[in-house]
């Protein structure tokens, strides 16, 4: 079964998977729906997390990873309703945001119509 997980710094040597901390345990959320995973990623971004990539992966691979890393896992079914990130986040993550020393390109200014288009697409996800 294919599921969607949230990956920080996807495709780099500094890749990290998003987990939810419950007590002293980490849990990986596996979303059946890409839209649900995208909504969760946008909510994380609203909490000042770096933007994670929504990546498809085989559920068995995640389960095996969880067993080897001592993590728990949970499948978020498509009809389970809106899943919201915890309000309290860990102060320090096991991975670090990608700190590439290359010069970043200047940020582009978006026109009002482009912003409205992006806003409509994001609202459509909710």
PDB file of N, CA and C in Angstrom:
ATOM      1  N   UNK A   1       0.848  -1.173   0.000  1.00  0.00           N
ATOM      2  CA  UNK A   1       0.000   0.000   0.000  1.00  0.00           C
ATOM      3  C   UNK A   1       0.896   1.240   0.000  1.00  0.00           C
ATOM      4  N   UNK A   2       0.590   2.194  -0.880  1.00  0.00           N
ATOM      5  CA  UNK A   2       1.314   3.460  -0.935  1.00  0.00           C
ATOM      6  C   UNK A   2       0.702   4.433   0.057  1.00  0.00           C
ATOM      7  N   UNK A   3       1.545   5.134   0.787  1.00  0.00           N
ATOM      8  CA  UNK A   3       1.116   6.165   1.719  1.00  0.00           C
ATOM      9  C   UNK A   3       1.959   7.403   1.448  1.00  0.00           C
ATOM     10  N   UNK A   4       1.612   8.489   2.106  1.00  0.00           N
ATOM     11  CA  UNK A   4       2.347   9.739   1.959  1.00  0.00           C
ATOM     12  C   UNK A   4       2.891  10.150   3.321  1.00  0.00           C
ATOM     13  N   UNK A   5       4.176  10.507   3.342  1.00  0.00           N
ATOM     14  CA  UNK A   5       4.828  10.966   4.563  1.00  0.00           C
ATOM     15  C   UNK A   5       5.436  12.335   4.291  1.00  0.00           C
ATOM     16  N   UNK A   6       5.810  13.021   5.354  1.00  0.00           N
ATOM     17  CA  UNK A   6       6.391  14.357   5.235  1.00  0.00           C
ATOM     18  C   UNK A   6       7.897  14.267   5.448  1.00  0.00           C
ATOM     19  N   UNK A   7       8.641  14.763   4.468  1.00  0.00           N
ATOM     20  CA  UNK A   7      10.099  14.693   4.495  1.00  0.00           C
ATOM     21  C   UNK A   7      10.668  16.110   4.456  1.00  0.00           C
ATOM     22  N   UNK A   8      11.589  16.393   5.355  1.00  0.00           N
ATOM     23  CA  UNK A   8      12.312  17.660   5.340  1.00  0.00           C
ATOM     24  C   UNK A   8      13.621  17.449   4.581  1.00  0.00           C
ATOM     25  N   UNK A   9      14.010  18.429   3.789  1.00  0.00           N
ATOM     26  CA  UNK A   9      15.245  18.362   2.987  1.00  0.00           C
ATOM     27  C   UNK A   9      15.270  17.110   2.116  1.00  0.00           C
ATOM     28  N   UNK A  10      14.151  16.825   1.463  1.00  0.00           N
ATOM     29  CA  UNK A  10      14.014  15.615   0.640  1.00  0.00           C
ATOM     30  C   UNK A  10      15.118  15.543  -0.415  1.00  0.00           C
ATOM     31  N   UNK A  11      15.679  14.352  -0.560  1.00  0.00           N
ATOM     32  CA  UNK A  11      16.689  14.103  -1.582  1.00  0.00           C
ATOM     33  C   UNK A  11      18.077  14.610  -1.243  1.00  0.00           C
ATOM     34  N   UNK A  12      18.304  14.998   0.007  1.00  0.00           N
ATOM     35  CA  UNK A  12      19.629  15.483   0.413  1.00  0.00           C
ATOM     36  C   UNK A  12      20.228  14.520   1.434  1.00  0.00           C
ATOM     37  N   UNK A  13      21.480  14.744   1.775  1.00  0.00           N
ATOM     38  CA  UNK A  13      22.127  13.949   2.825  1.00  0.00           C
ATOM     39  C   UNK A  13      21.581  14.308   4.200  1.00  0.00           C
ATOM     40  N   UNK A  14      20.867  15.416   4.280  1.00  0.00           N
ATOM     41  CA  UNK A  14      20.343  15.938   5.546  1.00  0.00           C
ATOM     42  C   UNK A  14      18.825  15.741   5.606  1.00  0.00           C
ATOM     43  N   UNK A  15      18.351  14.631   5.066  1.00  0.00           N
ATOM     44  CA  UNK A  15      16.920  14.356   4.995  1.00  0.00           C
ATOM     45  C   UNK A  15      16.389  13.946   6.366  1.00  0.00           C
ATOM     46  N   UNK A  16      15.175  14.372   6.677  1.00  0.00           N
ATOM     47  CA  UNK A  16      14.548  13.984   7.937  1.00  0.00           C
ATOM     48  C   UNK A  16      13.067  13.751   7.731  1.00  0.00           C
ATOM     49  N   UNK A  17      12.506  12.792   8.430  1.00  0.00           N
ATOM     50  CA  UNK A  17      11.084  12.491   8.321  1.00  0.00           C
ATOM     51  C   UNK A  17      10.362  13.130   9.505  1.00  0.00           C
ATOM     52  N   UNK A  18       9.184  13.648   9.251  1.00  0.00           N
ATOM     53  CA  UNK A  18       8.412  14.296  10.307  1.00  0.00           C
ATOM     54  C   UNK A  18       7.839  13.235  11.242  1.00  0.00           C
ATOM     55  N   UNK A  19       7.978  13.471  12.534  1.00  0.00           N
ATOM     56  CA  UNK A  19       7.376  12.603  13.544  1.00  0.00           C
ATOM     57  C   UNK A  19       6.600  13.459  14.533  1.00  0.00           C
ATOM     58  N   UNK A  20       5.666  12.831  15.196  1.00  0.00           N
ATOM     59  CA  UNK A  20       4.920  13.462  16.284  1.00  0.00           C
ATOM     60  C   UNK A  20       5.423  12.821  17.566  1.00  0.00           C
ATOM     61  N   UNK A  21       5.749  13.632  18.537  1.00  0.00           N
ATOM     62  CA  UNK A  21       6.269  13.122  19.812  1.00  0.00           C
ATOM     63  C   UNK A  21       5.107  12.886  20.769  1.00  0.00           C
ATOM     64  N   UNK A  22       5.004  11.680  21.271  1.00  0.00           N
ATOM     65  CA  UNK A  22       3.985  11.326  22.265  1.00  0.00           C
ATOM     66  C   UNK A  22       4.712  10.716  23.458  1.00  0.00           C
ATOM     67  N   UNK A  23       4.765  11.485  24.542  1.00  0.00           N
ATOM     68  CA  UNK A  23       5.527  11.036  25.712  1.00  0.00           C
ATOM     69  C   UNK A  23       6.994  10.982  25.352  1.00  0.00           C
ATOM     70  N   UNK A  24       7.596   9.792  25.475  1.00  0.00           N
ATOM     71  CA  UNK A  24       9.004   9.646  25.108  1.00  0.00           C
ATOM     72  C   UNK A  24       9.158   8.896  23.788  1.00  0.00           C
ATOM     73  N   UNK A  25       8.081   8.803  23.010  1.00  0.00           N
ATOM     74  CA  UNK A  25       8.093   8.052  21.748  1.00  0.00           C
ATOM     75  C   UNK A  25       7.852   8.987  20.566  1.00  0.00           C
ATOM     76  N   UNK A  26       8.447   8.646  19.430  1.00  0.00           N
ATOM     77  CA  UNK A  26       8.200   9.340  18.170  1.00  0.00           C
ATOM     78  C   UNK A  26       7.280   8.474  17.322  1.00  0.00           C
ATOM     79  N   UNK A  27       6.346   9.139  16.633  1.00  0.00           N
ATOM     80  CA  UNK A  27       5.405   8.418  15.779  1.00  0.00           C
ATOM     81  C   UNK A  27       5.393   9.064  14.402  1.00  0.00           C
ATOM     82  N   UNK A  28       5.501   8.241  13.360  1.00  0.00           N
ATOM     83  CA  UNK A  28       5.414   8.718  11.982  1.00  0.00           C
ATOM     84  C   UNK A  28       3.972   8.574  11.517  1.00  0.00           C
ATOM     85  N   UNK A  29       3.443   9.664  10.968  1.00  0.00           N
ATOM     86  CA  UNK A  29       2.099   9.631  10.404  1.00  0.00           C
ATOM     87  C   UNK A  29       2.196   9.237   8.935  1.00  0.00           C
ATOM     88  N   UNK A  30       1.423   8.222   8.550  1.00  0.00           N
ATOM     89  CA  UNK A  30       1.361   7.773   7.158  1.00  0.00           C
ATOM     90  C   UNK A  30      -0.034   8.106   6.643  1.00  0.00           C
ATOM     91  N   UNK A  31      -0.112   9.030   5.698  1.00  0.00           N
ATOM     92  CA  UNK A  31      -1.387   9.497   5.179  1.00  0.00           C
ATOM     93  C   UNK A  31      -1.803   8.680   3.964  1.00  0.00           C
ATOM     94  N   UNK A  32      -3.054   8.205   3.956  1.00  0.00           N
ATOM     95  CA  UNK A  32      -3.586   7.527   2.775  1.00  0.00           C
ATOM     96  C   UNK A  32      -3.815   8.527   1.645  1.00  0.00           C
ATOM     97  N   UNK A  33      -4.172   9.753   2.006  1.00  0.00           N
ATOM     98  CA  UNK A  33      -4.511  10.784   1.027  1.00  0.00           C
ATOM     99  C   UNK A  33      -3.389  11.809   0.903  1.00  0.00           C
ATOM    100  N   UNK A  34      -2.969  12.068  -0.324  1.00  0.00           N
ATOM    101  CA  UNK A  34      -1.948  13.090  -0.559  1.00  0.00           C
ATOM    102  C   UNK A  34      -2.464  14.466  -0.140  1.00  0.00           C
ATOM    103  N   UNK A  35      -3.762  14.733  -0.373  1.00  0.00           N
ATOM    104  CA  UNK A  35      -4.345  16.022   0.025  1.00  0.00           C
ATOM    105  C   UNK A  35      -4.273  16.209   1.540  1.00  0.00           C
ATOM    106  N   UNK A  36      -4.571  15.155   2.307  1.00  0.00           N
ATOM    107  CA  UNK A  36      -4.493  15.260   3.772  1.00  0.00           C
ATOM    108  C   UNK A  36      -3.054  15.533   4.217  1.00  0.00           C
ATOM    109  N   UNK A  37      -2.094  14.870   3.579  1.00  0.00           N
ATOM    110  CA  UNK A  37      -0.683  15.090   3.917  1.00  0.00           C
ATOM    111  C   UNK A  37      -0.275  16.520   3.577  1.00  0.00           C
ATOM    112  N   UNK A  38      -0.753  17.025   2.454  1.00  0.00           N
ATOM    113  CA  UNK A  38      -0.438  18.400   2.046  1.00  0.00           C
ATOM    114  C   UNK A  38      -1.031  19.406   3.027  1.00  0.00           C
ATOM    115  N   UNK A  39      -2.265  19.178   3.458  1.00  0.00           N
ATOM    116  CA  UNK A  39      -2.885  20.068   4.450  1.00  0.00           C
ATOM    117  C   UNK A  39      -2.069  20.090   5.746  1.00  0.00           C
ATOM    118  N   UNK A  40      -1.652  18.909   6.196  1.00  0.00           N
ATOM    119  CA  UNK A  40      -0.854  18.806   7.422  1.00  0.00           C
ATOM    120  C   UNK A  40       0.473  19.553   7.237  1.00  0.00           C
ATOM    121  N   UNK A  41       1.104  19.396   6.075  1.00  0.00           N
ATOM    122  CA  UNK A  41       2.369  20.086   5.796  1.00  0.00           C
ATOM    123  C   UNK A  41       2.179  21.600   5.835  1.00  0.00           C
ATOM    124  N   UNK A  42       1.069  22.089   5.291  1.00  0.00           N
ATOM    125  CA  UNK A  42       0.798  23.528   5.309  1.00  0.00           C
ATOM    126  C   UNK A  42       0.563  24.030   6.732  1.00  0.00           C
ATOM    127  N   UNK A  43      -0.074  23.207   7.563  1.00  0.00           N
ATOM    128  CA  UNK A  43      -0.269  23.597   8.963  1.00  0.00           C
ATOM    129  C   UNK A  43       1.072  23.642   9.704  1.00  0.00           C
ATOM    130  N   UNK A  44       1.972  22.711   9.391  1.00  0.00           N
ATOM    131  CA  UNK A  44       3.317  22.751   9.993  1.00  0.00           C
ATOM    132  C   UNK A  44       4.038  24.027   9.581  1.00  0.00           C
ATOM    133  N   UNK A  45       3.929  24.356   8.300  1.00  0.00           N
ATOM    134  CA  UNK A  45       4.571  25.572   7.803  1.00  0.00           C
ATOM    135  C   UNK A  45       4.023  26.800   8.533  1.00  0.00           C
ATOM    136  N   UNK A  46       2.716  26.797   8.820  1.00  0.00           N
ATOM    137  CA  UNK A  46       2.102  27.907   9.550  1.00  0.00           C
ATOM    138  C   UNK A  46       2.635  27.988  10.981  1.00  0.00           C
ATOM    139  N   UNK A  47       3.181  26.881  11.503  1.00  0.00           N
ATOM    140  CA  UNK A  47       3.792  26.869  12.840  1.00  0.00           C
ATOM    141  C   UNK A  47       5.292  27.171  12.761  1.00  0.00           C
ATOM    142  N   UNK A  48       5.721  27.719  11.648  1.00  0.00           N
ATOM    143  CA  UNK A  48       7.115  28.119  11.423  1.00  0.00           C
ATOM    144  C   UNK A  48       8.084  26.957  11.251  1.00  0.00           C
ATOM    145  N   UNK A  49       7.581  25.790  10.858  1.00  0.00           N
ATOM    146  CA  UNK A  49       8.459  24.699  10.455  1.00  0.00           C
ATOM    147  C   UNK A  49       8.945  24.985   9.043  1.00  0.00           C
ATOM    148  N   UNK A  50      10.115  24.474   8.674  1.00  0.00           N
ATOM    149  CA  UNK A  50      10.477  24.502   7.252  1.00  0.00           C
ATOM    150  C   UNK A  50       9.436  23.676   6.485  1.00  0.00           C
ATOM    151  N   UNK A  51       9.207  24.024   5.230  1.00  0.00           N
ATOM    152  CA  UNK A  51       8.179  23.340   4.451  1.00  0.00           C
ATOM    153  C   UNK A  51       8.627  21.914   4.126  1.00  0.00           C
ATOM    154  N   UNK A  52       7.863  20.903   4.584  1.00  0.00           N
ATOM    155  CA  UNK A  52       8.219  19.527   4.246  1.00  0.00           C
ATOM    156  C   UNK A  52       7.672  19.155   2.865  1.00  0.00           C
ATOM    157  N   UNK A  53       8.319  18.196   2.238  1.00  0.00           N
ATOM    158  CA  UNK A  53       7.830  17.643   0.979  1.00  0.00           C
ATOM    159  C   UNK A  53       6.903  16.476   1.303  1.00  0.00           C
ATOM    160  N   UNK A  54       5.833  16.350   0.540  1.00  0.00           N
ATOM    161  CA  UNK A  54       4.922  15.213   0.680  1.00  0.00           C
ATOM    162  C   UNK A  54       5.432  14.144  -0.276  1.00  0.00           C
ATOM    163  N   UNK A  55       5.869  13.012   0.263  1.00  0.00           N
ATOM    164  CA  UNK A  55       6.498  11.968  -0.533  1.00  0.00           C
ATOM    165  C   UNK A  55       5.714  10.658  -0.457  1.00  0.00           C
ATOM    166  N   UNK A  56       5.432  10.040  -1.618  1.00  0.00           N
ATOM    167  CA  UNK A  56       4.793   8.721  -1.604  1.00  0.00           C
ATOM    168  C   UNK A  56       5.838   7.656  -1.273  1.00  0.00           C
ATOM    169  N   UNK A  57       5.414   6.672  -0.491  1.00  0.00           N
ATOM    170  CA  UNK A  57       6.331   5.590  -0.116  1.00  0.00           C
ATOM    171  C   UNK A  57       5.501   4.364   0.250  1.00  0.00           C
ATOM    172  N   UNK A  58       6.091   3.214   0.155  1.00  0.00           N
ATOM    173  CA  UNK A  58       5.403   1.984   0.519  1.00  0.00           C
ATOM    174  C   UNK A  58       5.263   1.904   2.039  1.00  0.00           C
ATOM    175  N   UNK A  59       4.066   1.613   2.509  1.00  0.00           N
ATOM    176  CA  UNK A  59       3.789   1.571   3.948  1.00  0.00           C
ATOM    177  C   UNK A  59       4.679   0.556   4.656  1.00  0.00           C
ATOM    178  N   UNK A  60       4.982  -0.556   4.007  1.00  0.00           N
ATOM    179  CA  UNK A  60       5.822  -1.572   4.642  1.00  0.00           C
ATOM    180  C   UNK A  60       7.232  -1.057   4.895  1.00  0.00           C
ATOM    181  N   UNK A  61       7.746  -0.199   3.989  1.00  0.00           N
ATOM    182  CA  UNK A  61       9.075   0.387   4.188  1.00  0.00           C
ATOM    183  C   UNK A  61       9.088   1.257   5.441  1.00  0.00           C
ATOM    184  N   UNK A  62       8.027   2.038   5.632  1.00  0.00           N
ATOM    185  CA  UNK A  62       7.948   2.904   6.808  1.00  0.00           C
ATOM    186  C   UNK A  62       7.836   2.051   8.075  1.00  0.00           C
ATOM    187  N   UNK A  63       7.022   1.011   8.025  1.00  0.00           N
ATOM    188  CA  UNK A  63       6.873   0.142   9.198  1.00  0.00           C
ATOM    189  C   UNK A  63       8.215  -0.488   9.576  1.00  0.00           C
ATOM    190  N   UNK A  64       8.977  -0.956   8.562  1.00  0.00           N
ATOM    191  CA  UNK A  64      10.291  -1.546   8.833  1.00  0.00           C
ATOM    192  C   UNK A  64      11.245  -0.505   9.417  1.00  0.00           C
ATOM    193  N   UNK A  65      11.211   0.721   8.861  1.00  0.00           N
ATOM    194  CA  UNK A  65      12.047   1.800   9.392  1.00  0.00           C
ATOM    195  C   UNK A  65      11.681   2.074  10.845  1.00  0.00           C
ATOM    196  N   UNK A  66      10.384   2.144  11.133  1.00  0.00           N
ATOM    197  CA  UNK A  66       9.929   2.414  12.500  1.00  0.00           C
ATOM    198  C   UNK A  66      10.416   1.343  13.469  1.00  0.00           C
ATOM    199  N   UNK A  67      10.337   0.087  13.048  1.00  0.00           N
ATOM    200  CA  UNK A  67      10.799  -1.004  13.910  1.00  0.00           C
ATOM    201  C   UNK A  67      12.290  -0.877  14.181  1.00  0.00           C
ATOM    202  N   UNK A  68      13.081  -0.533  13.151  1.00  0.00           N
ATOM    203  CA  UNK A  68      14.529  -0.449  13.340  1.00  0.00           C
ATOM    204  C   UNK A  68      14.922   0.789  14.156  1.00  0.00           C
ATOM    205  N   UNK A  69      14.123   1.871  14.063  1.00  0.00           N
ATOM    206  CA  UNK A  69      14.454   3.110  14.773  1.00  0.00           C
ATOM    207  C   UNK A  69      13.763   3.225  16.125  1.00  0.00           C
ATOM    208  N   UNK A  70      12.881   2.279  16.443  1.00  0.00           N
ATOM    209  CA  UNK A  70      12.155   2.350  17.707  1.00  0.00           C
ATOM    210  C   UNK A  70      11.045   3.384  17.694  1.00  0.00           C
ATOM    211  N   UNK A  71      10.492   3.670  16.510  1.00  0.00           N
ATOM    212  CA  UNK A  71       9.406   4.625  16.366  1.00  0.00           C
ATOM    213  C   UNK A  71       8.071   3.892  16.279  1.00  0.00           C
ATOM    214  N   UNK A  72       7.013   4.603  16.600  1.00  0.00           N
ATOM    215  CA  UNK A  72       5.660   4.111  16.364  1.00  0.00           C
ATOM    216  C   UNK A  72       5.202   4.662  15.023  1.00  0.00           C
ATOM    217  N   UNK A  73       4.101   4.130  14.515  1.00  0.00           N
ATOM    218  CA  UNK A  73       3.535   4.640  13.277  1.00  0.00           C
ATOM    219  C   UNK A  73       2.019   4.591  13.367  1.00  0.00           C
ATOM    220  N   UNK A  74       1.389   5.445  12.558  1.00  0.00           N
ATOM    221  CA  UNK A  74      -0.074   5.494  12.515  1.00  0.00           C
ATOM    222  C   UNK A  74      -0.508   5.799  11.085  1.00  0.00           C
ATOM    223  N   UNK A  75      -1.466   5.036  10.606  1.00  0.00           N
ATOM    224  CA  UNK A  75      -2.027   5.311   9.288  1.00  0.00           C
ATOM    225  C   UNK A  75      -3.194   6.273   9.478  1.00  0.00           C
ATOM    226  N   UNK A  76      -3.123   7.409   8.779  1.00  0.00           N
ATOM    227  CA  UNK A  76      -4.194   8.395   8.811  1.00  0.00           C
ATOM    228  C   UNK A  76      -5.074   8.108   7.598  1.00  0.00           C
ATOM    229  N   UNK A  77      -6.247   7.521   7.867  1.00  0.00           N
ATOM    230  CA  UNK A  77      -7.129   7.143   6.765  1.00  0.00           C
ATOM    231  C   UNK A  77      -7.752   8.374   6.130  1.00  0.00           C
ATOM    232  N   UNK A  78      -8.170   8.200   4.889  1.00  0.00           N
ATOM    233  CA  UNK A  78      -8.715   9.318   4.126  1.00  0.00           C
ATOM    234  C   UNK A  78      -9.969   9.899   4.761  1.00  0.00           C
ATOM    235  N   UNK A  79     -10.752   9.087   5.444  1.00  0.00           N
ATOM    236  CA  UNK A  79     -11.997   9.578   6.037  1.00  0.00           C
ATOM    237  C   UNK A  79     -11.894   9.779   7.549  1.00  0.00           C
ATOM    238  N   UNK A  80     -10.668   9.972   8.057  1.00  0.00           N
ATOM    239  CA  UNK A  80     -10.495  10.118   9.509  1.00  0.00           C
ATOM    240  C   UNK A  80     -10.698  11.553   9.984  1.00  0.00           C
ATOM    241  N   UNK A  81     -10.941  12.479   9.068  1.00  0.00           N
ATOM    242  CA  UNK A  81     -11.130  13.870   9.463  1.00  0.00           C
ATOM    243  C   UNK A  81      -9.809  14.614   9.461  1.00  0.00           C
ATOM    244  N   UNK A  82      -9.879  15.879   9.792  1.00  0.00           N
ATOM    245  CA  UNK A  82      -8.706  16.748   9.768  1.00  0.00           C
ATOM    246  C   UNK A  82      -7.760  16.409  10.915  1.00  0.00           C
ATOM    247  N   UNK A  83      -6.519  16.112  10.571  1.00  0.00           N
ATOM    248  CA  UNK A  83      -5.480  15.852  11.558  1.00  0.00           C
ATOM    249  C   UNK A  83      -4.686  17.144  11.715  1.00  0.00           C
ATOM    250  N   UNK A  84      -4.515  17.573  12.956  1.00  0.00           N
ATOM    251  CA  UNK A  84      -3.857  18.846  13.252  1.00  0.00           C
ATOM    252  C   UNK A  84      -2.556  18.578  13.995  1.00  0.00           C
ATOM    253  N   UNK A  85      -1.466  19.281  13.611  1.00  0.00           N
ATOM    254  CA  UNK A  85      -0.206  19.107  14.348  1.00  0.00           C
ATOM    255  C   UNK A  85      -0.362  19.553  15.800  1.00  0.00           C
ATOM    256  N   UNK A  86       0.431  18.973  16.697  1.00  0.00           N
ATOM    257  CA  UNK A  86       0.379  19.406  18.097  1.00  0.00           C
ATOM    258  C   UNK A  86       0.730  20.889  18.201  1.00  0.00           C
ATOM    259  N   UNK A  87       0.145  21.548  19.190  1.00  0.00           N
ATOM    260  CA  UNK A  87       0.439  22.974  19.375  1.00  0.00           C
ATOM    261  C   UNK A  87       1.829  23.182  19.952  1.00  0.00           C
ATOM    262  N   UNK A  88       2.315  22.208  20.714  1.00  0.00           N
ATOM    263  CA  UNK A  88       3.648  22.309  21.314  1.00  0.00           C
ATOM    264  C   UNK A  88       4.576  21.404  20.525  1.00  0.00           C
ATOM    265  N   UNK A  89       5.683  21.967  20.070  1.00  0.00           N
ATOM    266  CA  UNK A  89       6.653  21.221  19.284  1.00  0.00           C
ATOM    267  C   UNK A  89       7.955  21.105  20.050  1.00  0.00           C
ATOM    268  N   UNK A  90       8.753  20.102  19.686  1.00  0.00           N
ATOM    269  CA  UNK A  90      10.047  19.956  20.342  1.00  0.00           C
ATOM    270  C   UNK A  90      10.916  21.151  20.000  1.00  0.00           C
ATOM    271  N   UNK A  91      11.748  21.521  20.941  1.00  0.00           N
ATOM    272  CA  UNK A  91      12.613  22.689  20.740  1.00  0.00           C
ATOM    273  C   UNK A  91      13.703  22.416  19.718  1.00  0.00           C
ATOM    274  N   UNK A  92      14.233  21.187  19.719  1.00  0.00           N
ATOM    275  CA  UNK A  92      15.338  20.866  18.835  1.00  0.00           C
ATOM    276  C   UNK A  92      15.055  19.570  18.101  1.00  0.00           C
ATOM    277  N   UNK A  93      15.224  19.584  16.791  1.00  0.00           N
ATOM    278  CA  UNK A  93      14.959  18.397  15.990  1.00  0.00           C
ATOM    279  C   UNK A  93      16.224  17.561  15.854  1.00  0.00           C
ATOM    280  N   UNK A  94      16.045  16.301  15.428  1.00  0.00           N
ATOM    281  CA  UNK A  94      17.186  15.423  15.189  1.00  0.00           C
ATOM    282  C   UNK A  94      17.897  15.775  13.886  1.00  0.00           C
ATOM    283  N   UNK A  95      17.221  16.499  12.989  1.00  0.00           N
ATOM    284  CA  UNK A  95      17.814  16.936  11.723  1.00  0.00           C
ATOM    285  C   UNK A  95      17.897  18.450  11.763  1.00  0.00           C
ATOM    286  N   UNK A  96      18.692  18.993  10.916  1.00  0.00           N
ATOM    287  CA  UNK A  96      18.856  20.444  10.859  1.00  0.00           C
ATOM    288  C   UNK A  96      18.330  20.950   9.524  1.00  0.00           C
ATOM    289  N   UNK A  97      17.690  22.134   9.531  1.00  0.00           N
ATOM    290  CA  UNK A  97      17.266  22.704   8.248  1.00  0.00           C
ATOM    291  C   UNK A  97      18.464  22.797   7.311  1.00  0.00           C
ATOM    292  N   UNK A  98      18.209  22.614   6.037  1.00  0.00           N
ATOM    293  CA  UNK A  98      19.270  22.621   5.041  1.00  0.00           C
ATOM    294  C   UNK A  98      19.952  23.979   5.043  1.00  0.00           C
ATOM    295  N   UNK A  99      21.215  23.986   5.371  1.00  0.00           N
ATOM    296  CA  UNK A  99      21.963  25.241   5.441  1.00  0.00           C
ATOM    297  C   UNK A  99      23.010  25.259   4.342  1.00  0.00           C
ATOM    298  N   UNK A 100      22.533  25.247   3.133  1.00  0.00           N
ATOM    299  CA  UNK A 100      23.404  25.279   1.975  1.00  0.00           C
ATOM    300  C   UNK A 100      24.101  26.635   1.930  1.00  0.00           C
ATOM    301  N   UNK A 101      25.384  26.621   1.723  1.00  0.00           N
ATOM    302  CA  UNK A 101      26.130  27.876   1.729  1.00  0.00           C
ATOM    303  C   UNK A 101      26.069  28.591   0.393  1.00  0.00           C
ATOM    304  N   UNK A 102      25.451  27.983  -0.616  1.00  0.00           N
ATOM    305  CA  UNK A 102      25.329  28.662  -1.894  1.00  0.00           C
ATOM    306  C   UNK A 102      24.435  29.876  -1.728  1.00  0.00           C
ATOM    307  N   UNK A 103      24.707  30.874  -2.532  1.00  0.00           N
ATOM    308  CA  UNK A 103      23.912  32.091  -2.452  1.00  0.00           C
ATOM    309  C   UNK A 103      22.512  31.800  -2.962  1.00  0.00           C
ATOM    310  N   UNK A 104      21.529  32.197  -2.203  1.00  0.00           N
ATOM    311  CA  UNK A 104      20.145  31.983  -2.595  1.00  0.00           C
ATOM    312  C   UNK A 104      19.739  33.014  -3.626  1.00  0.00           C
ATOM    313  N   UNK A 105      18.887  32.586  -4.586  1.00  0.00           N
ATOM    314  CA  UNK A 105      18.404  33.572  -5.550  1.00  0.00           C
ATOM    315  C   UNK A 105      17.499  34.565  -4.838  1.00  0.00           C
ATOM    316  N   UNK A 106      17.414  35.795  -5.352  1.00  0.00           N
ATOM    317  CA  UNK A 106      16.544  36.768  -4.707  1.00  0.00           C
ATOM    318  C   UNK A 106      15.099  36.292  -4.744  1.00  0.00           C
ATOM    319  N   UNK A 107      14.361  36.594  -3.680  1.00  0.00           N
ATOM    320  CA  UNK A 107      12.968  36.182  -3.635  1.00  0.00           C
ATOM    321  C   UNK A 107      12.162  37.022  -4.602  1.00  0.00           C
ATOM    322  N   UNK A 108      11.308  36.355  -5.350  1.00  0.00           N
ATOM    323  CA  UNK A 108      10.484  37.047  -6.336  1.00  0.00           C
ATOM    324  C   UNK A 108       9.277  37.663  -5.649  1.00  0.00           C
ATOM    325  N   UNK A 109       8.909  38.830  -6.093  1.00  0.00           N
ATOM    326  CA  UNK A 109       7.692  39.472  -5.610  1.00  0.00           C
ATOM    327  C   UNK A 109       6.527  38.867  -6.377  1.00  0.00           C
ATOM    328  N   UNK A 110       5.453  38.549  -5.693  1.00  0.00           N
ATOM    329  CA  UNK A 110       4.271  38.001  -6.344  1.00  0.00           C
ATOM    330  C   UNK A 110       3.237  39.099  -6.497  1.00  0.00           C
ATOM    331  N   UNK A 111       2.573  39.082  -7.647  1.00  0.00           N
ATOM    332  CA  UNK A 111       1.517  40.064  -7.869  1.00  0.00           C
ATOM    333  C   UNK A 111       0.286  39.668  -7.062  1.00  0.00           C
ATOM    334  N   UNK A 112      -0.633  40.616  -6.903  1.00  0.00           N
ATOM    335  CA  UNK A 112      -1.868  40.331  -6.169  1.00  0.00           C
ATOM    336  C   UNK A 112      -2.647  39.197  -6.814  1.00  0.00           C
ATOM    337  N   UNK A 113      -2.672  39.140  -8.142  1.00  0.00           N
ATOM    338  CA  UNK A 113      -3.422  38.073  -8.815  1.00  0.00           C
ATOM    339  C   UNK A 113      -2.769  36.710  -8.571  1.00  0.00           C
ATOM    340  N   UNK A 114      -1.414  36.665  -8.536  1.00  0.00           N
ATOM    341  CA  UNK A 114      -0.729  35.409  -8.236  1.00  0.00           C
ATOM    342  C   UNK A 114      -1.003  34.975  -6.803  1.00  0.00           C
ATOM    343  N   UNK A 115      -0.977  35.928  -5.874  1.00  0.00           N
ATOM    344  CA  UNK A 115      -1.285  35.612  -4.481  1.00  0.00           C
ATOM    345  C   UNK A 115      -2.716  35.122  -4.329  1.00  0.00           C
ATOM    346  N   UNK A 116      -3.660  35.759  -5.021  1.00  0.00           N
ATOM    347  CA  UNK A 116      -5.056  35.323  -4.974  1.00  0.00           C
ATOM    348  C   UNK A 116      -5.207  33.909  -5.518  1.00  0.00           C
ATOM    349  N   UNK A 117      -4.483  33.607  -6.590  1.00  0.00           N
ATOM    350  CA  UNK A 117      -4.545  32.266  -7.181  1.00  0.00           C
ATOM    351  C   UNK A 117      -4.018  31.224  -6.197  1.00  0.00           C
ATOM    352  N   UNK A 118      -2.891  31.525  -5.552  1.00  0.00           N
ATOM    353  CA  UNK A 118      -2.319  30.602  -4.563  1.00  0.00           C
ATOM    354  C   UNK A 118      -3.277  30.446  -3.390  1.00  0.00           C
ATOM    355  N   UNK A 119      -3.858  31.541  -2.925  1.00  0.00           N
ATOM    356  CA  UNK A 119      -4.802  31.495  -1.813  1.00  0.00           C
ATOM    357  C   UNK A 119      -5.997  30.606  -2.146  1.00  0.00           C
ATOM    358  N   UNK A 120      -6.560  30.749  -3.366  1.00  0.00           N
ATOM    359  CA  UNK A 120      -7.702  29.919  -3.772  1.00  0.00           C
ATOM    360  C   UNK A 120      -7.330  28.434  -3.790  1.00  0.00           C
ATOM    361  N   UNK A 121      -6.118  28.118  -4.295  1.00  0.00           N
ATOM    362  CA  UNK A 121      -5.703  26.716  -4.330  1.00  0.00           C
ATOM    363  C   UNK A 121      -5.541  26.160  -2.922  1.00  0.00           C
ATOM    364  N   UNK A 122      -4.957  26.950  -2.007  1.00  0.00           N
ATOM    365  CA  UNK A 122      -4.789  26.484  -0.622  1.00  0.00           C
ATOM    366  C   UNK A 122      -6.145  26.315   0.061  1.00  0.00           C
ATOM    367  N   UNK A 123      -7.043  27.260  -0.174  1.00  0.00           N
ATOM    368  CA  UNK A 123      -8.388  27.136   0.420  1.00  0.00           C
ATOM    369  C   UNK A 123      -9.113  25.932  -0.130  1.00  0.00           C
ATOM    370  N   UNK A 124      -8.849  25.598  -1.389  1.00  0.00           N
ATOM    371  CA  UNK A 124      -9.458  24.412  -1.992  1.00  0.00           C
ATOM    372  C   UNK A 124      -9.006  23.128  -1.319  1.00  0.00           C
ATOM    373  N   UNK A 125      -7.796  23.136  -0.765  1.00  0.00           N
ATOM    374  CA  UNK A 125      -7.292  21.963  -0.062  1.00  0.00           C
ATOM    375  C   UNK A 125      -8.017  21.752   1.263  1.00  0.00           C
ATOM    376  N   UNK A 126      -8.506  22.857   1.855  1.00  0.00           N
ATOM    377  CA  UNK A 126      -9.194  22.752   3.136  1.00  0.00           C
ATOM    378  C   UNK A 126     -10.628  22.460   2.875  1.00  0.00           C
TER     379      UNK A 126
END
